[in-house]
Amino acid sequence: MKIPHRKEYEEFYRTCWEKQVKQDKKENPRLVYNTRYINNSAHRKNGFKGGRPRKEENKLGLTKDAEMLNRMLQRGMTVTDAAQIMGISRKWASMTKKKYGLPR
């Protein structure tokens, strides 16, 4: 189905849509558009629909076990090997690695 002068109407519709968006934002600044067609830059900082702010760096202090694991990982050992040497489970070692952002 072909519509005559379709491109003209598309441009007109777009300009009207943008005017309406600006008017809506002025009337209600808390109004959030969840469409991909509108530039909504507020979501980029903390995730698409909000969420916790991202940490710039991991500021947690290391425990003794985490320090030891960190040294082993810095020397090129795998998490599995380090866990066997330390006498802990591989899962605990991988969770510690993720929690503290090892190796630092």
Protein backbone atom coordinates (compact mmCIF):
# COMPACT_ATOMS: atom_id res chain seq x y z
CA MET A 1 0.00 0.00 0.00
CA LYS A 2 1.49 3.30 -1.10
CA ILE A 3 0.53 6.58 0.49
CA PRO A 4 1.11 9.71 -1.59
CA HIS A 5 3.30 12.39 0.03
CA ARG A 6 4.27 9.98 2.77
CA LYS A 7 7.70 11.50 3.38
CA GLU A 8 6.20 14.94 3.88
CA TYR A 9 3.80 13.61 6.47
CA GLU A 10 6.56 11.71 8.27
CA GLU A 11 8.63 14.86 8.71
CA PHE A 12 5.58 16.82 9.86
CA TYR A 13 4.65 14.10 12.34
CA ARG A 14 8.21 14.01 13.70
CA THR A 15 8.34 17.76 14.28
CA CYS A 16 4.95 17.68 16.01
CA TRP A 17 6.09 14.76 18.16
CA GLU A 18 9.24 16.59 19.25
CA LYS A 19 7.26 19.70 20.15
CA GLN A 20 4.88 17.60 22.23
CA VAL A 21 7.76 15.91 24.03
CA LYS A 22 9.30 19.27 24.94
CA GLN A 23 5.94 20.51 26.19
CA ASP A 24 5.40 17.38 28.28
CA LYS A 25 8.85 17.69 29.84
CA LYS A 26 8.16 21.30 30.79
CA GLU A 27 4.84 20.42 32.39
CA ASN A 28 6.12 17.36 34.23
CA PRO A 29 9.93 17.06 34.54
CA ARG A 30 9.62 13.68 36.29
CA LEU A 31 7.97 12.21 33.23
CA VAL A 32 10.07 9.33 31.92
CA TYR A 33 9.84 8.05 28.40
CA ASN A 34 10.72 4.41 28.00
CA THR A 35 10.99 4.34 24.26
CA ARG A 36 14.08 4.05 22.15
CA TYR A 37 12.95 6.86 19.86
CA ILE A 38 13.45 9.63 22.40
CA ASN A 39 16.83 10.72 23.68
CA ASN A 40 16.50 10.10 27.40
CA SER A 41 20.02 10.64 28.73
CA ALA A 42 19.09 10.29 32.41
CA HIS A 43 19.24 6.49 32.21
CA ARG A 44 22.83 6.23 31.02
CA LYS A 45 24.51 7.06 34.30
CA ASN A 46 23.10 4.33 36.56
CA GLY A 47 21.73 1.76 34.17
CA PHE A 48 18.86 1.75 31.70
CA LYS A 49 16.03 2.00 34.23
CA GLY A 50 17.90 3.30 37.22
CA GLY A 51 19.75 1.17 39.67
CA ARG A 52 22.64 1.59 41.99
CA PRO A 53 25.46 3.91 40.94
CA ARG A 54 28.54 2.15 39.65
CA LYS A 55 31.66 2.13 41.77
CA GLU A 56 34.69 3.82 40.29
CA GLU A 57 37.02 1.44 42.10
CA ASN A 58 36.76 -1.18 44.78
CA LYS A 59 37.57 0.53 48.08
CA LEU A 60 37.03 -2.47 50.33
CA GLY A 61 39.96 -3.36 52.54
CA LEU A 62 41.41 -6.79 51.94
CA THR A 63 41.20 -9.52 54.55
CA LYS A 64 44.21 -11.76 55.20
CA ASP A 65 42.80 -14.49 52.95
CA ALA A 66 41.99 -11.96 50.24
CA GLU A 67 45.53 -10.54 50.42
CA MET A 68 47.00 -14.01 50.03
CA LEU A 69 44.68 -14.80 47.13
CA ASN A 70 45.58 -11.46 45.54
CA ARG A 71 49.31 -12.22 45.71
CA MET A 72 48.79 -15.65 44.15
CA LEU A 73 46.67 -14.23 41.34
CA GLN A 74 49.22 -11.50 40.67
CA ARG A 75 51.87 -14.18 40.20
CA GLY A 76 49.79 -15.83 37.50
CA MET A 77 48.10 -18.67 39.39
CA THR A 78 44.58 -19.72 38.55
CA VAL A 79 41.78 -19.43 41.08
CA THR A 80 41.54 -23.22 41.32
CA ASP A 81 45.24 -23.65 42.07
CA ALA A 82 45.24 -20.86 44.64
CA ALA A 83 42.17 -22.33 46.36
CA GLN A 84 43.83 -25.75 46.62
CA ILE A 85 46.98 -24.28 48.14
CA MET A 86 45.03 -22.15 50.62
CA GLY A 87 42.76 -25.06 51.57
CA ILE A 88 39.50 -23.32 50.63
CA SER A 89 36.84 -24.12 48.07
CA ARG A 90 37.15 -22.88 44.51
CA LYS A 91 33.76 -21.20 44.77
CA TRP A 92 34.79 -19.22 47.86
CA ALA A 93 37.97 -18.12 46.09
CA SER A 94 36.11 -17.01 42.97
CA MET A 95 33.53 -15.12 45.05
CA THR A 96 36.34 -13.38 46.95
CA LYS A 97 38.02 -12.50 43.67
CA LYS A 98 34.80 -10.96 42.37
CA LYS A 99 33.96 -9.16 45.65
CA TYR A 100 37.33 -7.44 46.01
CA GLY A 101 38.12 -7.05 42.31
CA LEU A 102 41.26 -9.17 42.43
CA PRO A 103 43.98 -9.09 41.31
CA ARG A 104 44.65 -5.50 42.26
